[in-house]
Amino acid sequence: MTVPPNPAKKKRKFNKAWIHEHVNDPYVQEAQRRGYRSRAAFKLIELAGRDKLLRPGMIVVDLGAAPGSWSQVLRERLGPAARILAIDLLPMDPIAGVTFIQADFREDDGLKAVEEVLGGAPVDLVISDMAPNLSGIDPVDQARSVHLGELALEFAISHLKDGGDLLVKVFQGAGLPELQRAIGAHFAKVYVRKPKSSRDRSRETFLVGKGFQR
């Protein structure tokens, strides 16, 4: 007798394994100890330290900010004189010293809201942890991820001051080399990074553009 597959049972096993891994993840435990909203904080800490992205008093735009762990790191590291602007389609609990806009960065209204808050001030650093809602279809998800990276680059080109930097997350796969070259056309140096706190099975990688050249 052939037993039909049971997707619900497989899903329960997957969820149980994920919860076990998550609870025992040292980065999750350390994030909880230090009051960070997610383990992603350590990705920014590592990347910023390696490529010297953070300096006191900067103006920084955090794209795809929710739940806010990257903004928390920025607030800690940049000092009271810094201006931090965060935007996300999802809600985010307030962080002292961070201006948050709940809007869709992909839409004109979201972009306009960011520009109104900036008031024409040039930006020192653009960081993007944006990721698409996963469809489970790899080519579709990959294309969406690269598109978000392209949008972050377009924003950086329009708003960074000379010498500014860009940090953007994108999935490994088709379109990544092209995005890397596009960043390299506007920055003195571009690096591909995979922080230790990024899980091995994750396809996420980070592109760092150093030294914007208008």
N, C-alpha and C. Protein backbone atom coordinates (compact mmCIF):
# COMPACT_ATOMS: atom_id res chain seq x y z
N MET A 1 0.85 -1.20 0.00
CA MET A 1 0.00 0.00 0.00
C MET A 1 0.88 1.25 0.00
N THR A 2 0.62 2.16 -0.90
CA THR A 2 1.38 3.39 -0.97
C THR A 2 0.78 4.43 -0.04
N VAL A 3 1.62 4.95 0.83
CA VAL A 3 1.16 5.96 1.78
C VAL A 3 1.34 7.34 1.16
N PRO A 4 0.26 8.11 1.04
CA PRO A 4 0.38 9.43 0.43
C PRO A 4 1.23 10.35 1.30
N PRO A 5 1.93 11.30 0.68
CA PRO A 5 2.75 12.24 1.46
C PRO A 5 1.87 13.09 2.36
N ASN A 6 2.44 13.48 3.46
CA ASN A 6 1.73 14.29 4.44
C ASN A 6 2.47 15.62 4.61
N PRO A 7 2.12 16.63 3.82
CA PRO A 7 2.83 17.92 3.90
C PRO A 7 2.74 18.56 5.27
N ALA A 8 1.62 18.39 5.94
CA ALA A 8 1.46 19.01 7.26
C ALA A 8 2.46 18.43 8.26
N LYS A 9 2.67 17.09 8.16
CA LYS A 9 3.62 16.45 9.07
C LYS A 9 5.04 16.94 8.79
N LYS A 10 5.39 17.07 7.50
CA LYS A 10 6.72 17.56 7.15
C LYS A 10 6.92 18.99 7.65
N LYS A 11 5.86 19.79 7.54
CA LYS A 11 5.95 21.18 7.98
C LYS A 11 6.17 21.25 9.49
N ARG A 12 5.46 20.38 10.23
CA ARG A 12 5.63 20.37 11.69
C ARG A 12 7.05 19.99 12.06
N LYS A 13 7.61 18.99 11.36
CA LYS A 13 8.99 18.59 11.63
C LYS A 13 9.96 19.72 11.32
N PHE A 14 9.72 20.41 10.21
CA PHE A 14 10.59 21.52 9.83
C PHE A 14 10.52 22.64 10.87
N ASN A 15 9.28 22.98 11.28
CA ASN A 15 9.12 24.06 12.26
C ASN A 15 9.79 23.71 13.57
N LYS A 16 9.65 22.44 13.99
CA LYS A 16 10.25 22.02 15.24
C LYS A 16 11.78 22.11 15.17
N ALA A 17 12.33 21.68 14.03
CA ALA A 17 13.78 21.76 13.86
C ALA A 17 14.26 23.21 13.83
N TRP A 18 13.48 24.08 13.15
CA TRP A 18 13.86 25.49 13.06
C TRP A 18 13.83 26.13 14.44
N ILE A 19 12.79 25.85 15.21
CA ILE A 19 12.67 26.43 16.55
C ILE A 19 13.83 25.98 17.42
N HIS A 20 14.16 24.69 17.34
CA HIS A 20 15.29 24.16 18.14
C HIS A 20 16.59 24.87 17.76
N GLU A 21 16.82 25.02 16.46
CA GLU A 21 18.04 25.69 16.00
C GLU A 21 18.06 27.15 16.44
N HIS A 22 16.90 27.81 16.31
CA HIS A 22 16.82 29.23 16.64
C HIS A 22 17.10 29.48 18.12
N VAL A 23 16.46 28.66 18.97
CA VAL A 23 16.61 28.85 20.41
C VAL A 23 18.05 28.63 20.86
N ASN A 24 18.74 27.70 20.20
CA ASN A 24 20.10 27.36 20.59
C ASN A 24 21.17 28.12 19.81
N ASP A 25 20.74 29.01 18.93
CA ASP A 25 21.67 29.81 18.14
C ASP A 25 22.41 30.79 19.06
N PRO A 26 23.75 30.76 19.09
CA PRO A 26 24.48 31.66 19.99
C PRO A 26 24.26 33.13 19.65
N TYR A 27 24.04 33.44 18.37
CA TYR A 27 23.78 34.84 18.01
C TYR A 27 22.41 35.29 18.50
N VAL A 28 21.44 34.39 18.46
CA VAL A 28 20.12 34.71 19.00
C VAL A 28 20.22 34.96 20.50
N GLN A 29 20.95 34.09 21.19
CA GLN A 29 21.10 34.23 22.63
C GLN A 29 21.83 35.52 22.98
N GLU A 30 22.86 35.85 22.24
CA GLU A 30 23.63 37.07 22.51
C GLU A 30 22.80 38.31 22.18
N ALA A 31 22.00 38.23 21.12
CA ALA A 31 21.11 39.35 20.78
C ALA A 31 20.13 39.61 21.90
N GLN A 32 19.58 38.56 22.47
CA GLN A 32 18.64 38.71 23.58
C GLN A 32 19.34 39.30 24.79
N ARG A 33 20.57 38.86 25.04
CA ARG A 33 21.31 39.35 26.20
C ARG A 33 21.61 40.85 26.08
N ARG A 34 21.91 41.29 24.86
CA ARG A 34 22.31 42.68 24.64
C ARG A 34 21.15 43.59 24.24
N GLY A 35 19.97 43.02 24.15
CA GLY A 35 18.79 43.82 23.87
C GLY A 35 18.58 44.15 22.41
N TYR A 36 19.24 43.44 21.51
CA TYR A 36 19.00 43.64 20.08
C TYR A 36 17.72 42.92 19.66
N ARG A 37 17.05 43.48 18.68
CA ARG A 37 15.76 42.94 18.27
C ARG A 37 15.89 41.69 17.40
N SER A 38 17.05 41.47 16.82
CA SER A 38 17.29 40.24 16.06
C SER A 38 18.78 39.99 15.96
N ARG A 39 19.12 38.77 15.57
CA ARG A 39 20.52 38.38 15.41
C ARG A 39 21.19 39.13 14.26
N ALA A 40 20.40 39.77 13.39
CA ALA A 40 20.96 40.51 12.26
C ALA A 40 21.88 41.64 12.71
N ALA A 41 21.73 42.08 13.96
CA ALA A 41 22.60 43.14 14.47
C ALA A 41 24.07 42.78 14.30
N PHE A 42 24.40 41.51 14.49
CA PHE A 42 25.79 41.10 14.45
C PHE A 42 26.34 41.08 13.02
N LYS A 43 25.45 40.96 12.04
CA LYS A 43 25.89 41.06 10.65
C LYS A 43 26.40 42.47 10.38
N LEU A 44 25.63 43.47 10.80
CA LEU A 44 26.06 44.85 10.58
C LEU A 44 27.32 45.17 11.39
N ILE A 45 27.37 44.70 12.63
CA ILE A 45 28.55 44.96 13.45
C ILE A 45 29.80 44.42 12.78
N GLU A 46 29.73 43.19 12.27
CA GLU A 46 30.89 42.59 11.61
C GLU A 46 31.24 43.30 10.32
N LEU A 47 30.25 43.57 9.48
CA LEU A 47 30.50 44.21 8.20
C LEU A 47 31.02 45.64 8.39
N ALA A 48 30.43 46.37 9.31
CA ALA A 48 30.86 47.75 9.55
C ALA A 48 32.27 47.80 10.11
N GLY A 49 32.60 46.83 10.98
CA GLY A 49 33.95 46.80 11.52
C GLY A 49 34.99 46.45 10.47
N ARG A 50 34.66 45.50 9.63
CA ARG A 50 35.63 45.07 8.61
C ARG A 50 35.90 46.16 7.58
N ASP A 51 34.86 46.85 7.16
CA ASP A 51 35.01 47.83 6.08
C ASP A 51 34.91 49.28 6.56
N LYS A 52 34.97 49.47 7.90
CA LYS A 52 35.03 50.82 8.47
C LYS A 52 33.91 51.71 7.93
N LEU A 53 32.68 51.26 8.13
CA LEU A 53 31.52 51.95 7.59
C LEU A 53 30.95 53.02 8.52
N LEU A 54 31.21 52.91 9.82
CA LEU A 54 30.54 53.77 10.79
C LEU A 54 31.50 54.77 11.42
N ARG A 55 31.05 56.04 11.45
CA ARG A 55 31.80 57.12 12.09
C ARG A 55 30.80 58.02 12.82
N PRO A 56 31.19 58.56 13.95
CA PRO A 56 30.27 59.43 14.70
C PRO A 56 29.77 60.59 13.86
N GLY A 57 28.50 60.93 14.07
CA GLY A 57 27.93 62.10 13.43
C GLY A 57 27.45 61.91 12.00
N MET A 58 27.39 60.69 11.53
CA MET A 58 26.99 60.43 10.15
C MET A 58 25.50 60.64 9.93
N ILE A 59 25.13 60.82 8.66
CA ILE A 59 23.74 60.73 8.22
C ILE A 59 23.58 59.40 7.50
N VAL A 60 22.69 58.55 8.01
CA VAL A 60 22.55 57.19 7.50
C VAL A 60 21.09 56.90 7.19
N VAL A 61 20.86 56.23 6.07
CA VAL A 61 19.51 55.76 5.72
C VAL A 61 19.51 54.24 5.78
N ASP A 62 18.59 53.70 6.56
CA ASP A 62 18.46 52.26 6.79
C ASP A 62 17.21 51.77 6.05
N LEU A 63 17.42 51.09 4.93
CA LEU A 63 16.33 50.59 4.09
C LEU A 63 15.94 49.18 4.52
N GLY A 64 14.64 48.94 4.68
CA GLY A 64 14.19 47.63 5.14
C GLY A 64 14.57 47.42 6.59
N ALA A 65 14.25 48.40 7.43
CA ALA A 65 14.81 48.46 8.78
C ALA A 65 14.18 47.52 9.79
N ALA A 66 12.88 47.22 9.66
CA ALA A 66 12.19 46.42 10.69
C ALA A 66 12.82 45.03 10.83
N PRO A 67 12.92 44.53 12.05
CA PRO A 67 12.37 45.05 13.31
C PRO A 67 13.22 46.13 13.98
N GLY A 68 14.41 46.42 13.45
CA GLY A 68 15.16 47.57 13.95
C GLY A 68 16.53 47.29 14.51
N SER A 69 17.04 46.07 14.36
CA SER A 69 18.33 45.76 14.98
C SER A 69 19.49 46.55 14.35
N TRP A 70 19.43 46.78 13.04
CA TRP A 70 20.48 47.58 12.41
C TRP A 70 20.41 49.03 12.89
N SER A 71 19.22 49.56 13.02
CA SER A 71 19.07 50.93 13.54
C SER A 71 19.57 51.02 14.98
N GLN A 72 19.36 49.96 15.75
CA GLN A 72 19.89 49.94 17.12
C GLN A 72 21.41 50.05 17.12
N VAL A 73 22.06 49.30 16.25
CA VAL A 73 23.52 49.34 16.16
C VAL A 73 23.98 50.74 15.74
N LEU A 74 23.30 51.31 14.75
CA LEU A 74 23.66 52.65 14.31
C LEU A 74 23.55 53.65 15.45
N ARG A 75 22.46 53.56 16.21
CA ARG A 75 22.25 54.49 17.33
C ARG A 75 23.36 54.35 18.36
N GLU A 76 23.79 53.13 18.61
CA GLU A 76 24.87 52.87 19.58
C GLU A 76 26.20 53.43 19.11
N ARG A 77 26.50 53.25 17.82
CA ARG A 77 27.84 53.49 17.33
C ARG A 77 28.09 54.90 16.80
N LEU A 78 27.04 55.63 16.45
CA LEU A 78 27.24 56.89 15.73
C LEU A 78 27.18 58.13 16.60
N GLY A 79 26.71 58.00 17.84
CA GLY A 79 26.69 59.14 18.73
C GLY A 79 25.47 60.03 18.55
N PRO A 80 25.29 60.98 19.47
CA PRO A 80 24.07 61.79 19.49
C PRO A 80 23.94 62.77 18.33
N ALA A 81 25.07 63.11 17.68
CA ALA A 81 25.01 64.07 16.58
C ALA A 81 24.56 63.44 15.27
N ALA A 82 24.50 62.11 15.21
CA ALA A 82 24.15 61.43 13.97
C ALA A 82 22.66 61.59 13.66
N ARG A 83 22.34 61.49 12.36
CA ARG A 83 20.95 61.45 11.91
C ARG A 83 20.71 60.08 11.29
N ILE A 84 19.73 59.37 11.80
CA ILE A 84 19.43 58.03 11.32
C ILE A 84 17.98 58.01 10.85
N LEU A 85 17.79 57.66 9.59
CA LEU A 85 16.46 57.56 9.00
C LEU A 85 16.22 56.13 8.58
N ALA A 86 15.15 55.53 9.09
CA ALA A 86 14.83 54.14 8.80
C ALA A 86 13.47 54.08 8.10
N ILE A 87 13.34 53.15 7.16
CA ILE A 87 12.08 52.96 6.44
C ILE A 87 11.80 51.48 6.25
N ASP A 88 10.55 51.10 6.39
CA ASP A 88 10.13 49.73 6.14
C ASP A 88 8.63 49.71 5.89
N LEU A 89 8.21 48.75 5.10
CA LEU A 89 6.78 48.54 4.87
C LEU A 89 6.09 48.04 6.13
N LEU A 90 6.83 47.31 6.96
CA LEU A 90 6.29 46.77 8.21
C LEU A 90 6.45 47.78 9.34
N PRO A 91 5.63 47.67 10.38
CA PRO A 91 5.79 48.57 11.52
C PRO A 91 7.07 48.27 12.29
N MET A 92 7.57 49.26 13.01
CA MET A 92 8.78 49.08 13.81
C MET A 92 8.61 49.86 15.11
N ASP A 93 8.86 49.22 16.23
CA ASP A 93 8.79 49.91 17.51
C ASP A 93 9.80 51.05 17.54
N PRO A 94 9.46 52.16 18.18
CA PRO A 94 10.36 53.32 18.18
C PRO A 94 11.73 53.03 18.78
N ILE A 95 12.72 53.72 18.25
CA ILE A 95 14.08 53.71 18.79
C ILE A 95 14.47 55.16 18.99
N ALA A 96 14.88 55.50 20.19
CA ALA A 96 15.25 56.88 20.49
C ALA A 96 16.36 57.34 19.54
N GLY A 97 16.15 58.50 18.92
CA GLY A 97 17.16 59.04 18.03
C GLY A 97 17.08 58.53 16.61
N VAL A 98 16.09 57.71 16.29
CA VAL A 98 15.92 57.18 14.94
C VAL A 98 14.56 57.66 14.40
N THR A 99 14.58 58.27 13.24
CA THR A 99 13.34 58.66 12.57
C THR A 99 12.87 57.51 11.69
N PHE A 100 11.67 57.02 11.97
CA PHE A 100 11.15 55.87 11.23
C PHE A 100 9.97 56.27 10.36
N ILE A 101 9.98 55.79 9.12
CA ILE A 101 8.88 55.98 8.19
C ILE A 101 8.33 54.61 7.82
N GLN A 102 7.05 54.38 8.07
CA GLN A 102 6.43 53.14 7.62
C GLN A 102 5.84 53.39 6.24
N ALA A 103 6.52 52.89 5.24
CA ALA A 103 6.12 53.11 3.85
C ALA A 103 6.84 52.09 2.98
N ASP A 104 6.38 51.98 1.74
CA ASP A 104 6.99 51.07 0.77
C ASP A 104 8.06 51.84 -0.01
N PHE A 105 9.31 51.50 0.24
CA PHE A 105 10.42 52.19 -0.42
C PHE A 105 10.36 52.04 -1.94
N ARG A 106 9.72 50.98 -2.43
CA ARG A 106 9.65 50.75 -3.87
C ARG A 106 8.70 51.71 -4.57
N GLU A 107 7.83 52.35 -3.80
CA GLU A 107 6.83 53.25 -4.37
C GLU A 107 7.27 54.70 -4.28
N ASP A 108 6.75 55.54 -5.16
CA ASP A 108 7.13 56.95 -5.19
C ASP A 108 6.81 57.65 -3.87
N ASP A 109 5.68 57.29 -3.24
CA ASP A 109 5.31 57.94 -1.99
C ASP A 109 6.32 57.65 -0.88
N GLY A 110 6.82 56.41 -0.83
CA GLY A 110 7.82 56.06 0.17
C GLY A 110 9.12 56.80 -0.04
N LEU A 111 9.55 56.86 -1.30
CA LEU A 111 10.79 57.57 -1.62
C LEU A 111 10.64 59.05 -1.32
N LYS A 112 9.50 59.61 -1.65
CA LYS A 112 9.26 61.04 -1.39
C LYS A 112 9.30 61.34 0.10
N ALA A 113 8.73 60.43 0.91
CA ALA A 113 8.74 60.63 2.36
C ALA A 113 10.17 60.66 2.90
N VAL A 114 11.02 59.79 2.38
CA VAL A 114 12.43 59.77 2.81
C VAL A 114 13.11 61.08 2.43
N GLU A 115 12.89 61.51 1.22
CA GLU A 115 13.53 62.73 0.74
C GLU A 115 13.07 63.96 1.51
N GLU A 116 11.81 63.97 1.92
CA GLU A 116 11.31 65.10 2.70
C GLU A 116 11.99 65.18 4.06
N VAL A 117 12.21 64.03 4.68
CA VAL A 117 12.89 64.02 5.98
C VAL A 117 14.35 64.44 5.83
N LEU A 118 15.00 63.99 4.77
CA LEU A 118 16.39 64.37 4.54
C LEU A 118 16.52 65.86 4.25
N GLY A 119 15.54 66.44 3.61
CA GLY A 119 15.58 67.86 3.33
C GLY A 119 16.76 68.29 2.47
N GLY A 120 17.18 67.42 1.58
CA GLY A 120 18.28 67.76 0.69
C GLY A 120 19.66 67.50 1.26
N ALA A 121 19.75 67.04 2.50
CA ALA A 121 21.06 66.78 3.12
C ALA A 121 21.71 65.56 2.47
N PRO A 122 22.98 65.67 2.10
CA PRO A 122 23.66 64.50 1.52
C PRO A 122 23.90 63.43 2.58
N VAL A 123 23.85 62.19 2.14
CA VAL A 123 23.92 61.03 3.04
C VAL A 123 25.33 60.44 3.04
N ASP A 124 25.77 60.02 4.22
CA ASP A 124 27.10 59.40 4.35
C ASP A 124 27.08 57.91 4.05
N LEU A 125 25.98 57.26 4.40
CA LEU A 125 25.92 55.79 4.29
C LEU A 125 24.49 55.36 4.03
N VAL A 126 24.33 54.46 3.07
CA VAL A 126 23.04 53.80 2.81
C VAL A 126 23.21 52.32 3.09
N ILE A 127 22.36 51.77 3.95
CA ILE A 127 22.40 50.34 4.23
C ILE A 127 21.04 49.74 3.89
N SER A 128 21.05 48.56 3.33
CA SER A 128 19.81 47.90 2.93
C SER A 128 19.82 46.44 3.34
N ASP A 129 18.89 46.10 4.21
CA ASP A 129 18.67 44.70 4.59
C ASP A 129 17.37 44.20 3.98
N MET A 130 16.92 44.88 2.92
CA MET A 130 15.66 44.51 2.28
C MET A 130 15.74 43.12 1.68
N ALA A 131 14.64 42.39 1.81
CA ALA A 131 14.53 41.06 1.20
C ALA A 131 13.11 40.89 0.69
N PRO A 132 12.94 40.17 -0.41
CA PRO A 132 11.58 39.98 -0.95
C PRO A 132 10.79 38.99 -0.13
N ASN A 133 9.46 39.08 -0.23
CA ASN A 133 8.62 38.01 0.30
C ASN A 133 8.84 36.78 -0.56
N LEU A 134 9.28 35.71 0.06
CA LEU A 134 9.68 34.53 -0.70
C LEU A 134 8.48 33.79 -1.27
N SER A 135 8.58 33.47 -2.56
CA SER A 135 7.52 32.72 -3.24
C SER A 135 7.81 31.22 -3.24
N GLY A 136 9.07 30.86 -2.96
CA GLY A 136 9.47 29.46 -3.06
C GLY A 136 9.92 29.08 -4.45
N ILE A 137 9.82 30.01 -5.39
CA ILE A 137 10.31 29.80 -6.76
C ILE A 137 11.63 30.53 -6.89
N ASP A 138 12.72 29.79 -6.91
CA ASP A 138 14.05 30.39 -6.81
C ASP A 138 14.33 31.48 -7.83
N PRO A 139 14.05 31.27 -9.13
CA PRO A 139 14.34 32.34 -10.09
C PRO A 139 13.57 33.62 -9.81
N VAL A 140 12.34 33.48 -9.36
CA VAL A 140 11.51 34.65 -9.04
C VAL A 140 12.08 35.38 -7.82
N ASP A 141 12.38 34.61 -6.78
CA ASP A 141 12.91 35.22 -5.56
C ASP A 141 14.27 35.88 -5.82
N GLN A 142 15.07 35.24 -6.65
CA GLN A 142 16.38 35.81 -6.97
C GLN A 142 16.23 37.13 -7.71
N ALA A 143 15.35 37.15 -8.69
CA ALA A 143 15.15 38.38 -9.47
C ALA A 143 14.63 39.50 -8.57
N ARG A 144 13.74 39.19 -7.66
CA ARG A 144 13.21 40.20 -6.75
C ARG A 144 14.29 40.73 -5.81
N SER A 145 15.15 39.83 -5.34
CA SER A 145 16.23 40.25 -4.46
C SER A 145 17.19 41.21 -5.17
N VAL A 146 17.57 40.86 -6.38
CA VAL A 146 18.47 41.72 -7.15
C VAL A 146 17.81 43.07 -7.44
N HIS A 147 16.51 43.04 -7.72
CA HIS A 147 15.79 44.29 -7.99
C HIS A 147 15.83 45.22 -6.78
N LEU A 148 15.66 44.67 -5.59
CA LEU A 148 15.75 45.48 -4.39
C LEU A 148 17.15 46.07 -4.23
N GLY A 149 18.16 45.28 -4.58
CA GLY A 149 19.53 45.79 -4.55
C GLY A 149 19.73 46.93 -5.54
N GLU A 150 19.12 46.80 -6.69
CA GLU A 150 19.21 47.86 -7.70
C GLU A 150 18.54 49.14 -7.22
N LEU A 151 17.40 49.00 -6.55
CA LEU A 151 16.71 50.17 -6.01
C LEU A 151 17.56 50.87 -4.94
N ALA A 152 18.22 50.07 -4.10
CA ALA A 152 19.09 50.65 -3.09
C ALA A 152 20.25 51.39 -3.74
N LEU A 153 20.80 50.82 -4.81
CA LEU A 153 21.89 51.48 -5.52
C LEU A 153 21.42 52.78 -6.15
N GLU A 154 20.25 52.77 -6.77
CA GLU A 154 19.71 53.98 -7.38
C GLU A 154 19.54 55.09 -6.34
N PHE A 155 19.04 54.71 -5.16
CA PHE A 155 18.87 55.68 -4.10
C PHE A 155 20.23 56.23 -3.66
N ALA A 156 21.20 55.34 -3.52
CA ALA A 156 22.53 55.76 -3.09
C ALA A 156 23.15 56.73 -4.10
N ILE A 157 23.01 56.43 -5.37
CA ILE A 157 23.59 57.30 -6.40
C ILE A 157 22.99 58.70 -6.32
N SER A 158 21.72 58.78 -5.99
CA SER A 158 21.03 60.07 -5.95
C SER A 158 21.28 60.85 -4.67
N HIS A 159 21.65 60.16 -3.57
CA HIS A 159 21.66 60.83 -2.28
C HIS A 159 22.99 60.79 -1.53
N LEU A 160 23.92 59.93 -1.92
CA LEU A 160 25.19 59.88 -1.20
C LEU A 160 26.05 61.09 -1.51
N LYS A 161 26.82 61.51 -0.52
CA LYS A 161 27.83 62.52 -0.76
C LYS A 161 29.07 61.84 -1.34
N ASP A 162 29.94 62.61 -1.95
CA ASP A 162 31.18 62.04 -2.48
C ASP A 162 31.95 61.35 -1.35
N GLY A 163 32.41 60.13 -1.62
CA GLY A 163 33.13 59.37 -0.61
C GLY A 163 32.24 58.53 0.27
N GLY A 164 30.91 58.63 0.10
CA GLY A 164 29.98 57.86 0.91
C GLY A 164 30.03 56.37 0.58
N ASP A 165 29.34 55.58 1.40
CA ASP A 165 29.40 54.12 1.28
C ASP A 165 27.99 53.52 1.16
N LEU A 166 27.97 52.29 0.64
CA LEU A 166 26.73 51.54 0.45
C LEU A 166 26.92 50.12 0.94
N LEU A 167 25.93 49.61 1.68
CA LEU A 167 25.90 48.21 2.10
C LEU A 167 24.54 47.66 1.72
N VAL A 168 24.51 46.59 0.92
CA VAL A 168 23.24 46.07 0.43
C VAL A 168 23.24 44.54 0.47
N LYS A 169 22.12 43.97 0.94
CA LYS A 169 21.96 42.52 0.96
C LYS A 169 21.35 42.05 -0.35
N VAL A 170 21.81 40.92 -0.83
CA VAL A 170 21.24 40.32 -2.04
C VAL A 170 21.48 38.82 -1.97
N PHE A 171 20.63 38.05 -2.64
CA PHE A 171 20.81 36.61 -2.66
C PHE A 171 21.88 36.22 -3.68
N GLN A 172 22.61 35.16 -3.35
CA GLN A 172 23.59 34.62 -4.29
C GLN A 172 22.85 33.97 -5.45
N GLY A 173 23.34 34.21 -6.66
CA GLY A 173 22.71 33.61 -7.82
C GLY A 173 22.72 34.56 -9.00
N ALA A 174 21.84 34.31 -9.95
CA ALA A 174 21.77 35.10 -11.17
C ALA A 174 21.54 36.57 -10.84
N GLY A 175 22.27 37.43 -11.54
CA GLY A 175 22.12 38.87 -11.36
C GLY A 175 23.08 39.47 -10.36
N LEU A 176 23.64 38.65 -9.47
CA LEU A 176 24.58 39.17 -8.47
C LEU A 176 25.84 39.77 -9.11
N PRO A 177 26.48 39.08 -10.07
CA PRO A 177 27.67 39.68 -10.69
C PRO A 177 27.37 41.00 -11.40
N GLU A 178 26.19 41.07 -12.02
CA GLU A 178 25.82 42.31 -12.71
C GLU A 178 25.60 43.45 -11.72
N LEU A 179 24.98 43.15 -10.58
CA LEU A 179 24.78 44.18 -9.57
C LEU A 179 26.12 44.61 -8.98
N GLN A 180 27.01 43.66 -8.79
CA GLN A 180 28.34 44.00 -8.29
C GLN A 180 29.06 44.94 -9.25
N ARG A 181 28.96 44.67 -10.53
CA ARG A 181 29.60 45.54 -11.52
C ARG A 181 28.95 46.92 -11.54
N ALA A 182 27.62 46.96 -11.38
CA ALA A 182 26.92 48.24 -11.37
C ALA A 182 27.37 49.09 -10.18
N ILE A 183 27.54 48.46 -9.03
CA ILE A 183 28.04 49.19 -7.87
C ILE A 183 29.48 49.65 -8.11
N GLY A 184 30.28 48.77 -8.70
CA GLY A 184 31.67 49.11 -8.98
C GLY A 184 31.83 50.28 -9.93
N ALA A 185 30.81 50.54 -10.75
CA ALA A 185 30.88 51.67 -11.68
C ALA A 185 30.74 53.01 -10.98
N HIS A 186 30.27 52.99 -9.72
CA HIS A 186 30.03 54.24 -9.01
C HIS A 186 30.85 54.38 -7.72
N PHE A 187 31.56 53.33 -7.36
CA PHE A 187 32.33 53.35 -6.12
C PHE A 187 33.79 52.98 -6.40
N ALA A 188 34.67 53.51 -5.59
CA ALA A 188 36.10 53.25 -5.78
C ALA A 188 36.41 51.76 -5.59
N LYS A 189 35.71 51.11 -4.63
CA LYS A 189 35.93 49.70 -4.36
C LYS A 189 34.60 49.04 -4.07
N VAL A 190 34.49 47.77 -4.42
CA VAL A 190 33.29 47.00 -4.09
C VAL A 190 33.72 45.62 -3.61
N TYR A 191 33.10 45.17 -2.52
CA TYR A 191 33.45 43.89 -1.91
C TYR A 191 32.21 43.01 -1.77
N VAL A 192 32.42 41.71 -1.88
CA VAL A 192 31.37 40.73 -1.60
C VAL A 192 31.68 40.12 -0.24
N ARG A 193 30.72 40.19 0.67
CA ARG A 193 30.94 39.74 2.05
C ARG A 193 29.89 38.72 2.47
N LYS A 194 30.34 37.78 3.31
CA LYS A 194 29.44 36.80 3.94
C LYS A 194 29.81 36.77 5.42
N PRO A 195 29.09 37.52 6.26
CA PRO A 195 29.47 37.58 7.67
C PRO A 195 29.29 36.23 8.37
N LYS A 196 30.07 36.03 9.42
CA LYS A 196 30.01 34.76 10.15
C LYS A 196 28.64 34.51 10.75
N SER A 197 27.94 35.58 11.10
CA SER A 197 26.63 35.42 11.72
C SER A 197 25.53 35.09 10.72
N SER A 198 25.85 35.09 9.44
CA SER A 198 24.90 34.65 8.42
C SER A 198 24.93 33.13 8.35
N ARG A 199 23.80 32.50 8.49
CA ARG A 199 23.76 31.04 8.52
C ARG A 199 24.31 30.45 7.23
N ASP A 200 25.01 29.33 7.35
CA ASP A 200 25.68 28.71 6.20
C ASP A 200 24.71 28.38 5.08
N ARG A 201 23.52 27.93 5.44
CA ARG A 201 22.56 27.52 4.41
C ARG A 201 21.89 28.72 3.74
N SER A 202 22.03 29.89 4.33
CA SER A 202 21.38 31.08 3.78
C SER A 202 22.08 31.52 2.50
N ARG A 203 21.28 31.93 1.51
CA ARG A 203 21.81 32.41 0.24
C ARG A 203 22.17 33.89 0.30
N GLU A 204 21.91 34.52 1.43
CA GLU A 204 22.16 35.96 1.49
C GLU A 204 23.66 36.25 1.46
N THR A 205 23.98 37.31 0.77
CA THR A 205 25.34 37.83 0.78
C THR A 205 25.23 39.34 0.78
N PHE A 206 26.34 40.03 1.00
CA PHE A 206 26.30 41.47 1.12
C PHE A 206 27.33 42.10 0.20
N LEU A 207 26.92 43.15 -0.47
CA LEU A 207 27.81 43.92 -1.32
C LEU A 207 28.11 45.24 -0.63
N VAL A 208 29.39 45.58 -0.56
CA VAL A 208 29.83 46.82 0.08
C VAL A 208 30.50 47.70 -0.96
N GLY A 209 29.93 48.87 -1.19
CA GLY A 209 30.55 49.85 -2.07
C GLY A 209 31.22 50.93 -1.23
N LYS A 210 32.52 51.12 -1.43
CA LYS A 210 33.30 52.09 -0.65
C LYS A 210 33.75 53.23 -1.55
N GLY A 211 33.54 54.45 -1.07
CA GLY A 211 34.06 55.62 -1.77
C GLY A 211 33.24 55.99 -3.00
N PHE A 212 32.03 56.49 -2.75
CA PHE A 212 31.15 56.89 -3.86
C PHE A 212 31.80 57.99 -4.68
N GLN A 213 31.70 57.84 -5.99
CA GLN A 213 32.27 58.81 -6.93
C GLN A 213 31.16 59.33 -7.82
N ARG A 214 30.78 60.57 -7.60
CA ARG A 214 29.67 61.13 -8.35
C ARG A 214 30.08 61.41 -9.80
